[in-house]
Protein backbone atom coordinates (compact mmCIF):
# COMPACT_ATOMS: atom_id res chain seq x y z
CA MET A 1 45.29 -2.30 31.84
CA ALA A 2 42.02 -1.60 30.03
CA LYS A 3 41.93 -2.06 26.27
CA ILE A 4 41.02 0.84 23.98
CA CYS A 5 38.12 0.74 21.52
CA PHE A 6 37.51 3.39 18.84
CA VAL A 7 34.01 3.51 17.35
CA THR A 8 33.01 5.49 14.27
CA GLY A 9 29.38 6.38 13.74
CA GLY A 10 29.06 6.29 17.51
CA ALA A 11 26.35 8.92 18.01
CA HIS A 12 23.35 6.64 17.61
CA GLY A 13 22.06 3.22 16.60
CA ILE A 14 24.51 0.37 16.20
CA GLY A 15 27.54 2.55 16.88
CA LYS A 16 26.18 3.92 20.14
CA ALA A 17 25.05 0.50 21.34
CA THR A 18 28.44 -0.98 20.48
CA ALA A 19 30.32 1.76 22.32
CA GLU A 20 28.15 1.16 25.37
CA ARG A 21 28.65 -2.62 25.19
CA PHE A 22 32.44 -2.31 25.03
CA ALA A 23 32.44 0.20 27.89
CA THR A 24 30.38 -2.20 30.00
CA ALA A 25 32.91 -4.93 29.17
CA GLY A 26 35.69 -2.78 30.65
CA TYR A 27 37.11 -1.10 27.56
CA ARG A 28 38.02 2.55 27.44
CA VAL A 29 35.99 3.82 24.50
CA ALA A 30 36.45 6.78 22.16
CA THR A 31 33.63 7.62 19.77
CA ALA A 32 33.44 9.69 16.59
CA ASP A 33 30.59 10.76 14.36
CA ILE A 34 29.79 13.44 11.81
CA ASN A 35 27.16 14.46 14.36
CA HIS A 36 29.19 15.70 17.32
CA VAL A 37 26.36 15.32 19.84
CA GLY A 38 27.21 12.69 22.43
CA VAL A 39 30.58 11.63 20.98
CA ASP A 40 34.20 12.48 21.66
CA TYR A 41 35.22 13.56 18.15
CA ARG A 42 33.41 15.12 15.24
CA LEU A 43 34.54 13.27 12.13
CA ASP A 44 33.55 12.91 8.49
CA VAL A 45 35.21 9.61 7.58
CA ALA A 46 35.30 10.62 3.91
CA ASP A 47 38.01 13.14 4.86
CA ASP A 48 41.22 11.08 5.01
CA VAL A 49 43.23 13.89 6.59
CA ALA A 50 40.68 14.33 9.39
CA VAL A 51 40.55 10.57 9.93
CA ALA A 52 44.32 10.36 10.37
CA ARG A 53 44.29 13.30 12.76
CA VAL A 54 41.51 11.93 14.97
CA ILE A 55 42.99 8.44 15.18
CA ASP A 56 46.37 9.91 16.07
CA ASP A 57 44.66 12.00 18.77
CA VAL A 58 42.89 8.92 20.17
CA ALA A 59 46.10 6.87 20.24
CA LYS A 60 47.95 9.66 22.04
CA ALA A 61 45.16 10.38 24.52
CA PHE A 62 44.50 6.76 25.43
CA GLY A 63 47.96 5.29 24.92
CA GLY A 64 47.07 3.13 21.92
CA ILE A 65 44.18 1.43 20.13
CA ASP A 66 43.20 -2.23 20.47
CA VAL A 67 39.87 -2.35 18.61
CA VAL A 68 38.34 -0.33 15.79
CA ILE A 69 34.61 -0.58 15.15
CA ASN A 70 34.44 0.75 11.60
CA ASN A 71 30.75 1.59 11.65
CA ALA A 72 30.24 5.10 10.18
CA GLY A 73 28.15 5.21 7.04
CA ILE A 74 25.17 6.70 5.26
CA ALA A 75 22.34 4.53 6.54
CA ASP A 76 19.70 5.46 3.97
CA PRO A 77 19.98 3.05 1.02
CA GLY A 78 18.17 5.51 -1.25
CA ARG A 79 15.83 4.50 -4.03
CA THR A 80 16.82 6.64 -6.99
CA SER A 81 16.57 5.30 -10.53
CA ILE A 82 19.74 4.92 -12.56
CA ASP A 83 18.52 7.75 -14.80
CA ASP A 84 18.12 10.13 -11.87
CA LEU A 85 21.02 9.13 -9.61
CA SER A 86 23.58 11.91 -9.83
CA VAL A 87 27.31 11.35 -9.89
CA THR A 88 27.56 13.56 -6.81
CA GLU A 89 25.16 11.32 -4.86
CA TRP A 90 26.98 8.18 -6.02
CA ARG A 91 30.38 9.53 -5.00
CA ARG A 92 29.20 10.71 -1.59
CA VAL A 93 27.86 7.28 -0.64
CA ILE A 94 30.98 5.49 -1.91
CA ASP A 95 33.26 8.06 -0.25
CA VAL A 96 31.61 7.65 3.15
CA ASN A 97 30.59 4.00 3.21
CA LEU A 98 33.57 2.43 1.46
CA SER A 99 36.49 4.85 1.20
CA GLY A 100 35.83 5.96 4.78
CA MET A 101 36.26 2.36 5.96
CA PHE A 102 39.60 2.17 4.19
CA PHE A 103 40.81 5.53 5.55
CA VAL A 104 40.03 4.46 9.13
CA ALA A 105 41.71 1.08 8.69
CA LYS A 106 44.77 2.66 7.07
CA ALA A 107 45.22 5.23 9.84
CA ALA A 108 44.58 2.74 12.63
CA ALA A 109 46.73 -0.11 11.28
CA PRO A 110 50.06 1.02 12.81
CA HIS A 111 48.45 1.32 16.24
CA LEU A 112 46.62 -1.98 15.96
CA ARG A 113 49.75 -3.87 14.87
CA LYS A 114 51.49 -2.83 18.08
CA ARG A 115 48.73 -4.36 20.22
CA LYS A 116 47.62 -7.34 18.10
CA GLY A 117 44.30 -5.61 17.62
CA CYS A 118 41.07 -6.11 15.71
CA ILE A 119 38.86 -4.30 13.22
CA VAL A 120 35.16 -4.96 12.83
CA ASN A 121 33.57 -3.41 9.73
CA THR A 122 29.83 -2.85 9.43
CA THR A 123 28.49 -3.92 6.06
CA SER A 124 24.89 -5.01 5.32
CA THR A 125 22.88 -7.89 3.93
CA ARG A 126 22.41 -5.53 1.00
CA ALA A 127 25.92 -6.55 0.00
CA PHE A 128 24.30 -9.83 -1.11
CA MET A 129 20.76 -8.85 -2.10
CA SER A 130 19.03 -5.67 -3.29
CA GLU A 131 15.84 -3.73 -3.54
CA PRO A 132 15.47 -1.83 -6.84
CA ASN A 133 17.43 1.39 -7.31
CA THR A 134 19.86 1.12 -4.40
CA PHE A 135 22.99 1.18 -6.56
CA ALA A 136 25.46 3.22 -4.52
CA TYR A 137 24.48 1.76 -1.15
CA SER A 138 24.58 -1.85 -2.33
CA ALA A 139 27.86 -1.32 -4.17
CA SER A 140 29.45 0.31 -1.13
CA LYS A 141 28.37 -2.51 1.17
CA GLY A 142 29.58 -5.13 -1.29
CA GLY A 143 32.90 -3.32 -1.44
CA ILE A 144 33.21 -3.55 2.34
CA VAL A 145 32.99 -7.35 2.10
CA ALA A 146 35.95 -7.44 -0.29
CA LEU A 147 37.83 -4.81 1.69
CA THR A 148 37.40 -6.92 4.83
CA HIS A 149 39.07 -10.03 3.49
CA SER A 150 41.75 -7.94 1.78
CA LEU A 151 42.58 -6.22 5.06
CA ALA A 152 42.55 -9.52 6.94
CA ILE A 153 45.06 -11.10 4.58
CA SER A 154 47.20 -7.96 4.39
CA LEU A 155 47.30 -7.10 8.10
CA GLY A 156 47.49 -10.63 9.49
CA PRO A 157 48.79 -12.15 11.64
CA ASP A 158 49.08 -8.98 13.73
CA VAL A 159 45.54 -7.69 13.14
CA ARG A 160 42.32 -9.65 12.73
CA VAL A 161 39.64 -8.08 10.52
CA ASN A 162 36.02 -9.22 10.26
CA ALA A 163 32.71 -7.71 9.25
CA ILE A 164 29.13 -7.89 10.40
CA ALA A 165 26.26 -7.78 7.88
CA PRO A 166 23.16 -6.65 9.78
CA GLY A 167 19.71 -7.14 8.36
CA TRP A 168 16.71 -5.19 9.57
CA ILE A 169 17.82 -3.42 12.74
CA ALA A 170 15.33 -1.15 14.53
CA THR A 171 17.72 1.65 15.42
CA HIS A 172 14.94 3.92 16.70
CA GLY A 173 13.18 1.33 18.84
CA GLN A 174 10.50 -1.19 18.03
CA ALA A 175 7.36 0.58 19.22
CA GLU A 176 6.07 1.37 15.73
CA LEU A 177 6.87 -1.99 14.17
CA ARG A 178 4.00 -4.21 13.08
CA GLU A 179 3.51 -7.81 14.15
CA ARG A 180 4.07 -8.93 10.58
CA ASP A 181 7.44 -7.14 10.58
CA HIS A 182 8.56 -9.39 13.42
CA ALA A 183 6.86 -12.49 11.96
CA PHE A 184 8.76 -12.04 8.69
CA HIS A 185 11.93 -13.03 10.54
CA PRO A 186 12.51 -16.75 11.26
CA VAL A 187 13.64 -15.82 14.80
CA GLY A 188 10.32 -14.02 15.35
CA ARG A 189 11.49 -10.45 15.74
CA VAL A 190 13.26 -7.51 14.11
CA GLY A 191 16.85 -6.97 15.27
CA THR A 192 18.13 -4.39 17.73
CA PRO A 193 21.44 -2.51 17.90
CA ASP A 194 22.36 -4.63 20.92
CA ASP A 195 22.28 -7.74 18.72
CA ILE A 196 25.07 -6.28 16.60
CA ALA A 197 26.96 -4.85 19.57
CA GLY A 198 27.17 -8.25 21.22
CA LEU A 199 28.44 -9.86 18.04
CA ALA A 200 31.10 -7.17 17.64
CA LEU A 201 32.31 -7.81 21.19
CA PHE A 202 32.56 -11.52 20.47
CA LEU A 203 34.49 -11.00 17.23
CA THR A 204 37.14 -8.98 19.06
CA SER A 205 37.45 -11.47 21.92
CA GLU A 206 39.93 -14.31 22.36
CA ASP A 207 37.04 -16.73 21.78
CA ALA A 208 37.07 -15.52 18.15
CA GLY A 209 40.85 -15.64 17.85
CA PHE A 210 40.73 -18.10 14.94
CA ILE A 211 38.28 -15.99 12.90
CA THR A 212 39.49 -13.41 10.40
CA GLY A 213 38.40 -12.24 6.96
CA GLU A 214 34.83 -13.35 7.65
CA VAL A 215 31.50 -11.62 7.19
CA ILE A 216 28.98 -12.71 9.82
CA THR A 217 25.36 -12.14 8.87
CA SER A 218 23.01 -11.14 11.68
CA ASP A 219 19.56 -10.80 10.17
CA GLY A 220 17.26 -13.15 12.05
CA GLY A 221 17.51 -15.72 9.26
CA VAL A 222 15.91 -13.61 6.53
CA THR A 223 18.57 -14.20 3.86
CA ARG A 224 18.14 -17.97 4.37
CA LYS A 225 14.39 -17.79 3.90
CA MET A 226 12.84 -18.98 0.65
CA ILE A 227 10.24 -16.41 -0.41
CA TYR A 228 7.56 -17.16 -3.02
CA PRO A 229 5.03 -14.70 -4.47
CA GLU A 230 1.68 -14.88 -2.71
């Protein structure tokens, strides 16, 4: 019997690539996104009632859930000064990027327990390092790191929970990237959504059965690179 994978933020980029990778691996995949184009369910993950309803619908339609790819989020880190960042903007980013992760995990947990399932959360290397004036985004991604190990300890041993921290991922293709963009990375290139999709598939496999509560960085080595001013 095929396993069931539910992907949030599945309309484009990392979410779309991950849904396609799991489908290729033989999973039955259900996708959700605030943009309904190309996905099975329209969903704003900041709405806890809607999250519970969609996950219940997926479990009923597919007969259960084995894997949740908790990927939905506001991708733009923003660059608004602390003086100009509104409370409304702050709350929206936290509500979607962090609270949304919790709402999905909470609603999916009963289904995942039944099938010894897995959750993979998408955080960011910005959980560990920042550009100026990215307060809400960085805080939300840092919160996902803590949420991940909290979920892993709380839901284990029935459910494994890990996170991926992508670096620079060219979600719209690499045609417009400069050579120096690639050269900045120790591996020699900017990342692609497929890089993250493959890692997500590994983290939910039996080969990763002894891994939980971890955050795996996939950034081409950038956060390990010593950078001096020129």
